[in-house]
């Protein structure tokens, strides 16, 4: 009996959250203006922002690869002082999720 009640509450919750998303997506189409969308998408400011984002992402990916390959090789093959500290510092971005970092930023600003 208890499991059926929990399952029913779960189903109602999923339906409610899904309904919220459906309403939000439908509202996007309600206020959609094709001419304005194309105008904004083809503006110089938008194109510059896209170009800058692609350049930054490419440079960061290259720098990360150049630094990560030797660091991972050294961590896996050699024993050296403060190896655990370096391993922790390199794993920290994976441990602290973007959500956690985002909530931290909202408290600062």
PDB file of N, CA and C in Angstrom:
ATOM      1  N   UNK A   1       0.820  -1.192   0.000  1.00  0.00           N
ATOM      2  CA  UNK A   1       0.000   0.000   0.000  1.00  0.00           C
ATOM      3  C   UNK A   1       0.863   1.254   0.000  1.00  0.00           C
ATOM      4  N   UNK A   2       1.892   1.252   0.833  1.00  0.00           N
ATOM      5  CA  UNK A   2       2.757   2.416   0.938  1.00  0.00           C
ATOM      6  C   UNK A   2       3.519   2.649  -0.369  1.00  0.00           C
ATOM      7  N   UNK A   3       3.994   1.594  -1.010  1.00  0.00           N
ATOM      8  CA  UNK A   3       4.737   1.737  -2.256  1.00  0.00           C
ATOM      9  C   UNK A   3       3.861   2.298  -3.371  1.00  0.00           C
ATOM     10  N   UNK A   4       2.576   1.910  -3.406  1.00  0.00           N
ATOM     11  CA  UNK A   4       1.677   2.446  -4.421  1.00  0.00           C
ATOM     12  C   UNK A   4       1.449   3.933  -4.215  1.00  0.00           C
ATOM     13  N   UNK A   5       1.357   4.360  -2.956  1.00  0.00           N
ATOM     14  CA  UNK A   5       1.163   5.773  -2.654  1.00  0.00           C
ATOM     15  C   UNK A   5       2.386   6.586  -3.062  1.00  0.00           C
ATOM     16  N   UNK A   6       3.574   6.072  -2.769  1.00  0.00           N
ATOM     17  CA  UNK A   6       4.810   6.754  -3.148  1.00  0.00           C
ATOM     18  C   UNK A   6       4.935   6.801  -4.664  1.00  0.00           C
ATOM     19  N   UNK A   7       4.602   5.718  -5.326  1.00  0.00           N
ATOM     20  CA  UNK A   7       4.650   5.677  -6.777  1.00  0.00           C
ATOM     21  C   UNK A   7       3.662   6.680  -7.382  1.00  0.00           C
ATOM     22  N   UNK A   8       2.479   6.800  -6.804  1.00  0.00           N
ATOM     23  CA  UNK A   8       1.482   7.746  -7.286  1.00  0.00           C
ATOM     24  C   UNK A   8       1.965   9.178  -7.100  1.00  0.00           C
ATOM     25  N   UNK A   9       2.557   9.474  -5.951  1.00  0.00           N
ATOM     26  CA  UNK A   9       3.092  10.826  -5.706  1.00  0.00           C
ATOM     27  C   UNK A   9       4.225  11.131  -6.669  1.00  0.00           C
ATOM     28  N   UNK A  10       5.065  10.151  -6.913  1.00  0.00           N
ATOM     29  CA  UNK A  10       6.169  10.338  -7.854  1.00  0.00           C
ATOM     30  C   UNK A  10       5.626  10.621  -9.255  1.00  0.00           C
ATOM     31  N   UNK A  11       4.629   9.863  -9.684  1.00  0.00           N
ATOM     32  CA  UNK A  11       4.040  10.042 -11.009  1.00  0.00           C
ATOM     33  C   UNK A  11       3.413  11.428 -11.140  1.00  0.00           C
ATOM     34  N   UNK A  12       2.685  11.856 -10.129  1.00  0.00           N
ATOM     35  CA  UNK A  12       2.070  13.185 -10.150  1.00  0.00           C
ATOM     36  C   UNK A  12       3.148  14.267 -10.206  1.00  0.00           C
ATOM     37  N   UNK A  13       4.241  14.096  -9.475  1.00  0.00           N
ATOM     38  CA  UNK A  13       5.333  15.073  -9.488  1.00  0.00           C
ATOM     39  C   UNK A  13       5.971  15.168 -10.866  1.00  0.00           C
ATOM     40  N   UNK A  14       6.227  14.020 -11.479  1.00  0.00           N
ATOM     41  CA  UNK A  14       6.831  14.007 -12.807  1.00  0.00           C
ATOM     42  C   UNK A  14       5.904  14.657 -13.830  1.00  0.00           C
ATOM     43  N   UNK A  15       4.622  14.369 -13.745  1.00  0.00           N
ATOM     44  CA  UNK A  15       3.650  14.978 -14.670  1.00  0.00           C
ATOM     45  C   UNK A  15       3.599  16.491 -14.454  1.00  0.00           C
ATOM     46  N   UNK A  16       3.599  16.934 -13.216  1.00  0.00           N
ATOM     47  CA  UNK A  16       3.561  18.369 -12.926  1.00  0.00           C
ATOM     48  C   UNK A  16       4.775  19.107 -13.449  1.00  0.00           C
ATOM     49  N   UNK A  17       5.960  18.545 -13.215  1.00  0.00           N
ATOM     50  CA  UNK A  17       7.188  19.180 -13.698  1.00  0.00           C
ATOM     51  C   UNK A  17       7.229  19.166 -15.223  1.00  0.00           C
ATOM     52  N   UNK A  18       6.806  18.071 -15.827  1.00  0.00           N
ATOM     53  CA  UNK A  18       6.762  17.998 -17.288  1.00  0.00           C
ATOM     54  C   UNK A  18       5.797  19.027 -17.857  1.00  0.00           C
ATOM     55  N   UNK A  19       4.684  19.226 -17.201  1.00  0.00           N
ATOM     56  CA  UNK A  19       3.704  20.211 -17.645  1.00  0.00           C
ATOM     57  C   UNK A  19       4.276  21.626 -17.595  1.00  0.00           C
ATOM     58  N   UNK A  20       5.052  21.912 -16.564  1.00  0.00           N
ATOM     59  CA  UNK A  20       5.703  23.221 -16.472  1.00  0.00           C
ATOM     60  C   UNK A  20       6.641  23.429 -17.659  1.00  0.00           C
ATOM     61  N   UNK A  21       7.432  22.421 -17.997  1.00  0.00           N
ATOM     62  CA  UNK A  21       8.348  22.549 -19.126  1.00  0.00           C
ATOM     63  C   UNK A  21       7.596  22.684 -20.444  1.00  0.00           C
ATOM     64  N   UNK A  22       6.513  21.957 -20.607  1.00  0.00           N
ATOM     65  CA  UNK A  22       5.717  22.063 -21.832  1.00  0.00           C
ATOM     66  C   UNK A  22       5.153  23.474 -21.974  1.00  0.00           C
ATOM     67  N   UNK A  23       4.678  24.046 -20.880  1.00  0.00           N
ATOM     68  CA  UNK A  23       4.146  25.407 -20.918  1.00  0.00           C
ATOM     69  C   UNK A  23       5.245  26.405 -21.261  1.00  0.00           C
ATOM     70  N   UNK A  24       6.424  26.230 -20.677  1.00  0.00           N
ATOM     71  CA  UNK A  24       7.537  27.147 -20.984  1.00  0.00           C
ATOM     72  C   UNK A  24       7.946  27.066 -22.447  1.00  0.00           C
ATOM     73  N   UNK A  25       8.046  25.863 -22.987  1.00  0.00           N
ATOM     74  CA  UNK A  25       8.429  25.700 -24.396  1.00  0.00           C
ATOM     75  C   UNK A  25       7.334  26.248 -25.301  1.00  0.00           C
ATOM     76  N   UNK A  26       6.076  26.033 -24.958  1.00  0.00           N
ATOM     77  CA  UNK A  26       4.974  26.567 -25.761  1.00  0.00           C
ATOM     78  C   UNK A  26       4.985  28.091 -25.749  1.00  0.00           C
ATOM     79  N   UNK A  27       5.349  28.686 -24.620  1.00  0.00           N
ATOM     80  CA  UNK A  27       5.402  30.148 -24.567  1.00  0.00           C
ATOM     81  C   UNK A  27       6.502  30.701 -25.466  1.00  0.00           C
ATOM     82  N   UNK A  28       7.567  29.931 -25.657  1.00  0.00           N
ATOM     83  CA  UNK A  28       8.602  30.374 -26.594  1.00  0.00           C
ATOM     84  C   UNK A  28       8.043  30.505 -28.007  1.00  0.00           C
ATOM     85  N   UNK A  29       7.238  29.552 -28.406  1.00  0.00           N
ATOM     86  CA  UNK A  29       6.654  29.614 -29.742  1.00  0.00           C
ATOM     87  C   UNK A  29       5.555  30.673 -29.832  1.00  0.00           C
ATOM     88  N   UNK A  30       4.902  30.970 -28.727  1.00  0.00           N
ATOM     89  CA  UNK A  30       3.840  31.970 -28.728  1.00  0.00           C
ATOM     90  C   UNK A  30       4.404  33.361 -29.028  1.00  0.00           C
ATOM     91  N   UNK A  31       5.568  33.658 -28.474  1.00  0.00           N
ATOM     92  CA  UNK A  31       6.175  34.978 -28.648  1.00  0.00           C
ATOM     93  C   UNK A  31       7.237  34.998 -29.740  1.00  0.00           C
ATOM     94  N   UNK A  32       7.325  33.970 -30.536  1.00  0.00           N
ATOM     95  CA  UNK A  32       8.355  33.858 -31.576  1.00  0.00           C
ATOM     96  C   UNK A  32       8.044  34.790 -32.740  1.00  0.00           C
ATOM     97  N   UNK A  33       9.040  35.579 -33.145  1.00  0.00           N
ATOM     98  CA  UNK A  33       8.921  36.461 -34.308  1.00  0.00           C
ATOM     99  C   UNK A  33      10.104  36.164 -35.220  1.00  0.00           C
ATOM    100  N   UNK A  34       9.831  35.547 -36.359  1.00  0.00           N
ATOM    101  CA  UNK A  34      10.890  35.058 -37.239  1.00  0.00           C
ATOM    102  C   UNK A  34      11.798  36.186 -37.726  1.00  0.00           C
ATOM    103  N   UNK A  35      11.222  37.301 -38.120  1.00  0.00           N
ATOM    104  CA  UNK A  35      12.035  38.405 -38.648  1.00  0.00           C
ATOM    105  C   UNK A  35      12.983  38.952 -37.582  1.00  0.00           C
ATOM    106  N   UNK A  36      12.465  39.131 -36.367  1.00  0.00           N
ATOM    107  CA  UNK A  36      13.301  39.635 -35.280  1.00  0.00           C
ATOM    108  C   UNK A  36      14.391  38.630 -34.912  1.00  0.00           C
ATOM    109  N   UNK A  37      14.045  37.328 -34.916  1.00  0.00           N
ATOM    110  CA  UNK A  37      15.010  36.289 -34.600  1.00  0.00           C
ATOM    111  C   UNK A  37      16.162  36.286 -35.605  1.00  0.00           C
ATOM    112  N   UNK A  38      15.840  36.358 -36.897  1.00  0.00           N
ATOM    113  CA  UNK A  38      16.875  36.369 -37.939  1.00  0.00           C
ATOM    114  C   UNK A  38      17.710  37.639 -37.842  1.00  0.00           C
ATOM    115  N   UNK A  39      17.052  38.766 -37.540  1.00  0.00           N
ATOM    116  CA  UNK A  39      17.774  40.031 -37.404  1.00  0.00           C
ATOM    117  C   UNK A  39      18.783  39.970 -36.254  1.00  0.00           C
ATOM    118  N   UNK A  40      18.351  39.436 -35.128  1.00  0.00           N
ATOM    119  CA  UNK A  40      19.253  39.341 -33.972  1.00  0.00           C
ATOM    120  C   UNK A  40      20.359  38.326 -34.234  1.00  0.00           C
ATOM    121  N   UNK A  41      20.012  37.206 -34.839  1.00  0.00           N
ATOM    122  CA  UNK A  41      21.002  36.164 -35.106  1.00  0.00           C
ATOM    123  C   UNK A  41      22.070  36.620 -36.093  1.00  0.00           C
ATOM    124  N   UNK A  42      21.713  37.481 -37.026  1.00  0.00           N
ATOM    125  CA  UNK A  42      22.670  37.916 -38.040  1.00  0.00           C
ATOM    126  C   UNK A  42      23.302  39.262 -37.722  1.00  0.00           C
ATOM    127  N   UNK A  43      23.066  39.791 -36.543  1.00  0.00           N
ATOM    128  CA  UNK A  43      23.672  41.074 -36.183  1.00  0.00           C
ATOM    129  C   UNK A  43      25.174  40.904 -35.948  1.00  0.00           C
ATOM    130  N   UNK A  44      25.897  41.997 -36.109  1.00  0.00           N
ATOM    131  CA  UNK A  44      27.352  41.970 -35.934  1.00  0.00           C
ATOM    132  C   UNK A  44      27.730  41.581 -34.502  1.00  0.00           C
ATOM    133  N   UNK A  45      26.961  42.045 -33.551  1.00  0.00           N
ATOM    134  CA  UNK A  45      27.253  41.750 -32.149  1.00  0.00           C
ATOM    135  C   UNK A  45      27.129  40.255 -31.854  1.00  0.00           C
ATOM    136  N   UNK A  46      26.080  39.626 -32.384  1.00  0.00           N
ATOM    137  CA  UNK A  46      25.888  38.198 -32.159  1.00  0.00           C
ATOM    138  C   UNK A  46      26.965  37.386 -32.855  1.00  0.00           C
ATOM    139  N   UNK A  47      27.277  37.722 -34.078  1.00  0.00           N
ATOM    140  CA  UNK A  47      28.312  36.994 -34.821  1.00  0.00           C
ATOM    141  C   UNK A  47      29.674  37.146 -34.153  1.00  0.00           C
ATOM    142  N   UNK A  48      29.976  38.353 -33.652  1.00  0.00           N
ATOM    143  CA  UNK A  48      31.233  38.560 -32.946  1.00  0.00           C
ATOM    144  C   UNK A  48      31.281  37.716 -31.670  1.00  0.00           C
ATOM    145  N   UNK A  49      30.162  37.659 -30.951  1.00  0.00           N
ATOM    146  CA  UNK A  49      30.117  36.863 -29.717  1.00  0.00           C
ATOM    147  C   UNK A  49      30.324  35.383 -30.003  1.00  0.00           C
ATOM    148  N   UNK A  50      29.698  34.875 -31.057  1.00  0.00           N
ATOM    149  CA  UNK A  50      29.890  33.473 -31.430  1.00  0.00           C
ATOM    150  C   UNK A  50      31.336  33.194 -31.828  1.00  0.00           C
ATOM    151  N   UNK A  51      31.910  34.100 -32.611  1.00  0.00           N
ATOM    152  CA  UNK A  51      33.303  33.932 -33.039  1.00  0.00           C
ATOM    153  C   UNK A  51      34.240  33.942 -31.833  1.00  0.00           C
ATOM    154  N   UNK A  52      34.031  34.884 -30.910  1.00  0.00           N
ATOM    155  CA  UNK A  52      34.865  34.969 -29.718  1.00  0.00           C
ATOM    156  C   UNK A  52      34.732  33.723 -28.845  1.00  0.00           C
ATOM    157  N   UNK A  53      33.511  33.204 -28.705  1.00  0.00           N
ATOM    158  CA  UNK A  53      33.291  31.998 -27.912  1.00  0.00           C
ATOM    159  C   UNK A  53      34.000  30.794 -28.517  1.00  0.00           C
ATOM    160  N   UNK A  54      33.920  30.648 -29.826  1.00  0.00           N
ATOM    161  CA  UNK A  54      34.599  29.525 -30.492  1.00  0.00           C
ATOM    162  C   UNK A  54      36.112  29.625 -30.373  1.00  0.00           C
ATOM    163  N   UNK A  55      36.640  30.827 -30.518  1.00  0.00           N
ATOM    164  CA  UNK A  55      38.094  31.011 -30.397  1.00  0.00           C
ATOM    165  C   UNK A  55      38.547  30.700 -28.969  1.00  0.00           C
ATOM    166  N   UNK A  56      37.829  31.233 -27.987  1.00  0.00           N
ATOM    167  CA  UNK A  56      38.198  30.990 -26.580  1.00  0.00           C
ATOM    168  C   UNK A  56      38.110  29.508 -26.228  1.00  0.00           C
ATOM    169  N   UNK A  57      37.058  28.842 -26.674  1.00  0.00           N
ATOM    170  CA  UNK A  57      36.900  27.417 -26.373  1.00  0.00           C
ATOM    171  C   UNK A  57      38.019  26.604 -27.010  1.00  0.00           C
ATOM    172  N   UNK A  58      38.402  26.944 -28.232  1.00  0.00           N
ATOM    173  CA  UNK A  58      39.482  26.223 -28.905  1.00  0.00           C
ATOM    174  C   UNK A  58      40.813  26.428 -28.191  1.00  0.00           C
ATOM    175  N   UNK A  59      41.113  27.669 -27.820  1.00  0.00           N
ATOM    176  CA  UNK A  59      42.383  27.959 -27.142  1.00  0.00           C
ATOM    177  C   UNK A  59      42.428  27.262 -25.784  1.00  0.00           C
ATOM    178  N   UNK A  60      41.329  27.310 -25.037  1.00  0.00           N
ATOM    179  CA  UNK A  60      41.297  26.668 -23.719  1.00  0.00           C
ATOM    180  C   UNK A  60      41.437  25.152 -23.849  1.00  0.00           C
ATOM    181  N   UNK A  61      40.800  24.565 -24.858  1.00  0.00           N
ATOM    182  CA  UNK A  61      40.927  23.117 -25.064  1.00  0.00           C
ATOM    183  C   UNK A  61      42.363  22.737 -25.400  1.00  0.00           C
ATOM    184  N   UNK A  62      43.022  23.512 -26.224  1.00  0.00           N
ATOM    185  CA  UNK A  62      44.424  23.228 -26.566  1.00  0.00           C
ATOM    186  C   UNK A  62      45.336  23.372 -25.348  1.00  0.00           C
ATOM    187  N   UNK A  63      45.167  24.450 -24.596  1.00  0.00           N
ATOM    188  CA  UNK A  63      46.001  24.656 -23.407  1.00  0.00           C
ATOM    189  C   UNK A  63      45.752  23.539 -22.387  1.00  0.00           C
ATOM    190  N   UNK A  64      44.499  23.173 -22.197  1.00  0.00           N
ATOM    191  CA  UNK A  64      44.185  22.104 -21.247  1.00  0.00           C
ATOM    192  C   UNK A  64      44.804  20.778 -21.669  1.00  0.00           C
ATOM    193  N   UNK A  65      44.756  20.488 -22.954  1.00  0.00           N
ATOM    194  CA  UNK A  65      45.352  19.251 -23.451  1.00  0.00           C
ATOM    195  C   UNK A  65      46.864  19.257 -23.271  1.00  0.00           C
ATOM    196  N   UNK A  66      47.487  20.390 -23.570  1.00  0.00           N
ATOM    197  CA  UNK A  66      48.943  20.495 -23.438  1.00  0.00           C
ATOM    198  C   UNK A  66      49.373  20.318 -21.984  1.00  0.00           C
ATOM    199  N   UNK A  67      48.582  20.829 -21.056  1.00  0.00           N
ATOM    200  CA  UNK A  67      48.929  20.690 -19.637  1.00  0.00           C
ATOM    201  C   UNK A  67      48.500  19.349 -19.049  1.00  0.00           C
ATOM    202  N   UNK A  68      47.386  18.802 -19.517  1.00  0.00           N
ATOM    203  CA  UNK A  68      46.827  17.601 -18.898  1.00  0.00           C
ATOM    204  C   UNK A  68      47.596  16.340 -19.248  1.00  0.00           C
ATOM    205  N   UNK A  69      48.082  16.221 -20.456  1.00  0.00           N
ATOM    206  CA  UNK A  69      48.772  14.985 -20.846  1.00  0.00           C
ATOM    207  C   UNK A  69      50.053  14.766 -20.031  1.00  0.00           C
ATOM    208  N   UNK A  70      50.941  15.757 -19.933  1.00  0.00           N
ATOM    209  CA  UNK A  70      52.129  15.527 -19.086  1.00  0.00           C
ATOM    210  C   UNK A  70      51.788  15.354 -17.597  1.00  0.00           C
ATOM    211  N   UNK A  71      50.787  16.090 -17.124  1.00  0.00           N
ATOM    212  CA  UNK A  71      50.411  15.957 -15.704  1.00  0.00           C
ATOM    213  C   UNK A  71      49.864  14.571 -15.410  1.00  0.00           C
ATOM    214  N   UNK A  72      49.021  14.061 -16.280  1.00  0.00           N
ATOM    215  CA  UNK A  72      48.466  12.725 -16.051  1.00  0.00           C
ATOM    216  C   UNK A  72      49.541  11.648 -16.164  1.00  0.00           C
ATOM    217  N   UNK A  73      50.460  11.831 -17.089  1.00  0.00           N
ATOM    218  CA  UNK A  73      51.560  10.868 -17.230  1.00  0.00           C
ATOM    219  C   UNK A  73      52.424  10.860 -15.961  1.00  0.00           C
ATOM    220  N   UNK A  74      52.753  12.057 -15.465  1.00  0.00           N
ATOM    221  CA  UNK A  74      53.589  12.148 -14.264  1.00  0.00           C
ATOM    222  C   UNK A  74      52.875  11.563 -13.048  1.00  0.00           C
ATOM    223  N   UNK A  75      51.573  11.837 -12.922  1.00  0.00           N
ATOM    224  CA  UNK A  75      50.832  11.320 -11.766  1.00  0.00           C
ATOM    225  C   UNK A  75      50.693   9.804 -11.808  1.00  0.00           C
ATOM    226  N   UNK A  76      50.622   9.245 -12.994  1.00  0.00           N
ATOM    227  CA  UNK A  76      50.437   7.799 -13.078  1.00  0.00           C
ATOM    228  C   UNK A  76      51.744   7.016 -13.013  1.00  0.00           C
ATOM    229  N   UNK A  77      52.851   7.616 -13.400  1.00  0.00           N
ATOM    230  CA  UNK A  77      54.112   6.868 -13.501  1.00  0.00           C
ATOM    231  C   UNK A  77      55.097   7.117 -12.372  1.00  0.00           C
ATOM    232  N   UNK A  78      55.093   8.290 -11.766  1.00  0.00           N
ATOM    233  CA  UNK A  78      56.147   8.657 -10.831  1.00  0.00           C
ATOM    234  C   UNK A  78      55.580   8.948  -9.446  1.00  0.00           C
ATOM    235  N   UNK A  79      56.425   8.740  -8.448  1.00  0.00           N
ATOM    236  CA  UNK A  79      56.138   9.155  -7.076  1.00  0.00           C
ATOM    237  C   UNK A  79      57.001  10.363  -6.766  1.00  0.00           C
ATOM    238  N   UNK A  80      56.396  11.423  -6.311  1.00  0.00           N
ATOM    239  CA  UNK A  80      57.130  12.644  -5.991  1.00  0.00           C
ATOM    240  C   UNK A  80      56.429  13.326  -4.814  1.00  0.00           C
ATOM    241  N   UNK A  81      57.145  14.248  -4.153  1.00  0.00           N
ATOM    242  CA  UNK A  81      56.538  14.933  -3.008  1.00  0.00           C
ATOM    243  C   UNK A  81      55.298  15.728  -3.443  1.00  0.00           C
ATOM    244  N   UNK A  82      54.303  15.762  -2.587  1.00  0.00           N
ATOM    245  CA  UNK A  82      53.051  16.484  -2.809  1.00  0.00           C
ATOM    246  C   UNK A  82      52.245  15.952  -4.003  1.00  0.00           C
ATOM    247  N   UNK A  83      52.455  14.676  -4.313  1.00  0.00           N
ATOM    248  CA  UNK A  83      51.695  14.064  -5.403  1.00  0.00           C
ATOM    249  C   UNK A  83      50.201  14.065  -5.095  1.00  0.00           C
ATOM    250  N   UNK A  84      49.842  13.768  -3.855  1.00  0.00           N
ATOM    251  CA  UNK A  84      48.428  13.752  -3.477  1.00  0.00           C
ATOM    252  C   UNK A  84      47.799  15.141  -3.561  1.00  0.00           C
ATOM    253  N   UNK A  85      48.562  16.153  -3.209  1.00  0.00           N
ATOM    254  CA  UNK A  85      48.049  17.525  -3.286  1.00  0.00           C
ATOM    255  C   UNK A  85      47.793  17.902  -4.737  1.00  0.00           C
ATOM    256  N   UNK A  86      48.734  17.592  -5.622  1.00  0.00           N
ATOM    257  CA  UNK A  86      48.563  17.909  -7.038  1.00  0.00           C
ATOM    258  C   UNK A  86      47.379  17.134  -7.625  1.00  0.00           C
ATOM    259  N   UNK A  87      47.244  15.882  -7.237  1.00  0.00           N
ATOM    260  CA  UNK A  87      46.120  15.082  -7.717  1.00  0.00           C
ATOM    261  C   UNK A  87      44.790  15.688  -7.266  1.00  0.00           C
ATOM    262  N   UNK A  88      44.741  16.129  -6.011  1.00  0.00           N
ATOM    263  CA  UNK A  88      43.523  16.762  -5.497  1.00  0.00           C
ATOM    264  C   UNK A  88      43.217  18.058  -6.236  1.00  0.00           C
ATOM    265  N   UNK A  89      44.213  18.880  -6.476  1.00  0.00           N
ATOM    266  CA  UNK A  89      43.992  20.139  -7.180  1.00  0.00           C
ATOM    267  C   UNK A  89      43.515  19.909  -8.621  1.00  0.00           C
ATOM    268  N   UNK A  90      44.030  18.869  -9.254  1.00  0.00           N
ATOM    269  CA  UNK A  90      43.608  18.584 -10.627  1.00  0.00           C
ATOM    270  C   UNK A  90      42.202  17.990 -10.682  1.00  0.00           C
ATOM    271  N   UNK A  91      41.794  17.297  -9.639  1.00  0.00           N
ATOM    272  CA  UNK A  91      40.449  16.704  -9.610  1.00  0.00           C
ATOM    273  C   UNK A  91      39.392  17.644  -9.057  1.00  0.00           C
ATOM    274  N   UNK A  92      39.798  18.744  -8.475  1.00  0.00           N
ATOM    275  CA  UNK A  92      38.860  19.665  -7.844  1.00  0.00           C
ATOM    276  C   UNK A  92      37.776  20.184  -8.786  1.00  0.00           C
ATOM    277  N   UNK A  93      38.078  20.566 -10.031  1.00  0.00           N
ATOM    278  CA  UNK A  93      37.000  21.024 -10.917  1.00  0.00           C
ATOM    279  C   UNK A  93      35.952  19.955 -11.205  1.00  0.00           C
ATOM    280  N   UNK A  94      36.323  18.683 -11.146  1.00  0.00           N
ATOM    281  CA  UNK A  94      35.337  17.626 -11.358  1.00  0.00           C
ATOM    282  C   UNK A  94      34.522  17.366 -10.101  1.00  0.00           C
ATOM    283  N   UNK A  95      35.116  17.615  -8.937  1.00  0.00           N
ATOM    284  CA  UNK A  95      34.426  17.376  -7.683  1.00  0.00           C
ATOM    285  C   UNK A  95      33.414  18.486  -7.404  1.00  0.00           C
ATOM    286  N   UNK A  96      33.844  19.735  -7.564  1.00  0.00           N
ATOM    287  CA  UNK A  96      32.955  20.870  -7.363  1.00  0.00           C
ATOM    288  C   UNK A  96      32.184  21.064  -8.657  1.00  0.00           C
ATOM    289  N   UNK A  97      30.929  20.724  -8.625  1.00  0.00           N
ATOM    290  CA  UNK A  97      30.130  20.772  -9.842  1.00  0.00           C
ATOM    291  C   UNK A  97      29.855  22.212 -10.260  1.00  0.00           C
ATOM    292  N   UNK A  98      29.505  22.403 -11.519  1.00  0.00           N
ATOM    293  CA  UNK A  98      29.139  23.754 -11.970  1.00  0.00           C
ATOM    294  C   UNK A  98      27.950  24.330 -11.198  1.00  0.00           C
ATOM    295  N   UNK A  99      27.054  23.469 -10.764  1.00  0.00           N
ATOM    296  CA  UNK A  99      25.908  23.958  -9.969  1.00  0.00           C
ATOM    297  C   UNK A  99      26.388  24.530  -8.645  1.00  0.00           C
ATOM    298  N   UNK A 100      27.312  23.846  -8.031  1.00  0.00           N
ATOM    299  CA  UNK A 100      27.845  24.339  -6.768  1.00  0.00           C
ATOM    300  C   UNK A 100      28.597  25.638  -6.947  1.00  0.00           C
ATOM    301  N   UNK A 101      29.360  25.732  -8.002  1.00  0.00           N
ATOM    302  CA  UNK A 101      30.085  26.970  -8.290  1.00  0.00           C
ATOM    303  C   UNK A 101      29.114  28.096  -8.614  1.00  0.00           C
ATOM    304  N   UNK A 102      28.034  27.774  -9.326  1.00  0.00           N
ATOM    305  CA  UNK A 102      27.040  28.781  -9.665  1.00  0.00           C
ATOM    306  C   UNK A 102      26.323  29.300  -8.437  1.00  0.00           C
ATOM    307  N   UNK A 103      25.992  28.412  -7.510  1.00  0.00           N
ATOM    308  CA  UNK A 103      25.315  28.864  -6.291  1.00  0.00           C
ATOM    309  C   UNK A 103      26.274  29.703  -5.437  1.00  0.00           C
ATOM    310  N   UNK A 104      27.548  29.371  -5.494  1.00  0.00           N
ATOM    311  CA  UNK A 104      28.539  30.176  -4.773  1.00  0.00           C
ATOM    312  C   UNK A 104      28.599  31.576  -5.375  1.00  0.00           C
ATOM    313  N   UNK A 105      28.551  31.680  -6.699  1.00  0.00           N
ATOM    314  CA  UNK A 105      28.602  32.981  -7.358  1.00  0.00           C
ATOM    315  C   UNK A 105      27.386  33.826  -7.015  1.00  0.00           C
ATOM    316  N   UNK A 106      26.222  33.217  -6.868  1.00  0.00           N
ATOM    317  CA  UNK A 106      25.038  34.003  -6.534  1.00  0.00           C
ATOM    318  C   UNK A 106      25.130  34.584  -5.118  1.00  0.00           C
ATOM    319  N   UNK A 107      25.856  33.934  -4.241  1.00  0.00           N
ATOM    320  CA  UNK A 107      26.017  34.470  -2.889  1.00  0.00           C
ATOM    321  C   UNK A 107      26.999  35.629  -2.886  1.00  0.00           C
ATOM    322  N   UNK A 108      27.940  35.623  -3.820  1.00  0.00           N
ATOM    323  CA  UNK A 108      28.927  36.707  -3.886  1.00  0.00           C
ATOM    324  C   UNK A 108      28.292  37.973  -4.442  1.00  0.00           C
ATOM    325  N   UNK A 109      27.507  37.794  -5.513  1.00  0.00           N
ATOM    326  CA  UNK A 109      26.924  38.973  -6.169  1.00  0.00           C
ATOM    327  C   UNK A 109      25.545  39.207  -5.627  1.00  0.00           C
TER     328      UNK A 109
END
